[in-house]
Protein backbone atom coordinates (compact mmCIF):
# COMPACT_ATOMS: atom_id res chain seq x y z
CA MET A 1 61.93 76.49 123.09
CA GLU A 2 58.27 76.34 124.19
CA LYS A 3 57.56 73.76 121.49
CA ASP A 4 60.42 71.61 122.80
CA ILE A 5 59.05 71.88 126.35
CA ILE A 6 55.57 70.81 125.26
CA LEU A 7 56.75 67.95 123.06
CA LYS A 8 59.35 66.52 125.42
CA HIS A 9 57.92 67.04 128.91
CA MET A 10 57.13 63.32 128.97
CA TRP A 11 60.81 62.43 128.65
CA GLY A 12 61.31 58.95 129.96
CA ALA A 13 58.00 57.82 128.49
CA THR A 14 59.18 58.89 125.03
CA ALA A 15 62.46 58.51 123.19
CA ALA A 16 62.85 62.26 122.64
CA ILE A 17 65.54 63.77 124.86
CA PRO A 18 64.95 67.39 125.95
CA LYS A 19 67.06 69.89 124.04
CA TYR A 20 66.88 72.69 126.59
CA ARG A 21 67.48 72.78 130.32
CA GLU A 22 64.03 74.27 130.82
CA SER A 23 62.45 71.28 129.07
CA LEU A 24 64.19 68.93 131.49
CA ILE A 25 63.08 70.99 134.51
CA VAL A 26 59.45 71.00 133.36
CA GLY A 27 59.63 67.24 132.83
CA LEU A 28 61.06 66.62 136.30
CA VAL A 29 58.49 68.86 137.99
CA ASP A 30 55.74 67.05 136.09
CA ASP A 31 57.08 63.68 137.28
CA VAL A 32 57.29 64.81 140.92
CA GLN A 33 53.74 66.14 140.80
CA ALA A 34 52.46 62.90 139.26
CA VAL A 35 54.05 60.83 142.03
CA THR A 36 52.63 63.17 144.68
CA ASP A 37 49.15 62.97 143.17
CA PHE A 38 49.35 59.19 143.02
CA PHE A 39 50.44 58.63 146.63
CA MET A 40 48.35 61.35 148.34
CA PRO A 41 45.27 59.12 148.89
CA LEU A 42 47.49 56.39 150.35
CA GLN A 43 49.10 58.88 152.71
CA GLN A 44 45.69 60.10 153.86
CA ARG A 45 44.47 56.53 154.47
CA PHE A 46 47.59 55.77 156.49
CA ALA A 47 47.15 58.92 158.60
CA THR A 48 43.52 57.98 159.33
CA TRP A 49 44.52 54.42 160.26
CA ARG A 50 47.30 55.70 162.53
CA ARG A 51 44.91 58.06 164.35
CA LYS A 52 42.44 55.23 164.94
CA GLN A 53 45.15 52.91 166.23
CA LEU A 54 46.52 55.57 168.57
CA SER A 55 43.04 56.33 169.88
CA ARG A 56 42.39 52.64 170.49
CA VAL A 57 45.68 52.17 172.37
CA LEU A 58 45.08 55.26 174.51
CA ASN A 59 41.57 54.05 175.37
CA GLN A 60 42.96 50.68 176.49
CA ILE A 61 45.59 52.39 178.64
CA GLU A 62 42.94 54.49 180.39
CA LYS A 63 40.90 51.41 181.37
């Protein structure tokens, strides 16, 4: 079973379909983590931009 998990955790990028439920779960968790890792810098840049915009608007309101 471990061999199947290792070989087929890239299901979707390969033609090999997972044989065991655990292989599919490991593959899905790997995909979710890859998406999270990819979009984390974008999320951080957006949060920084939003804070700057909010600060700018609040400063204009105070004047």
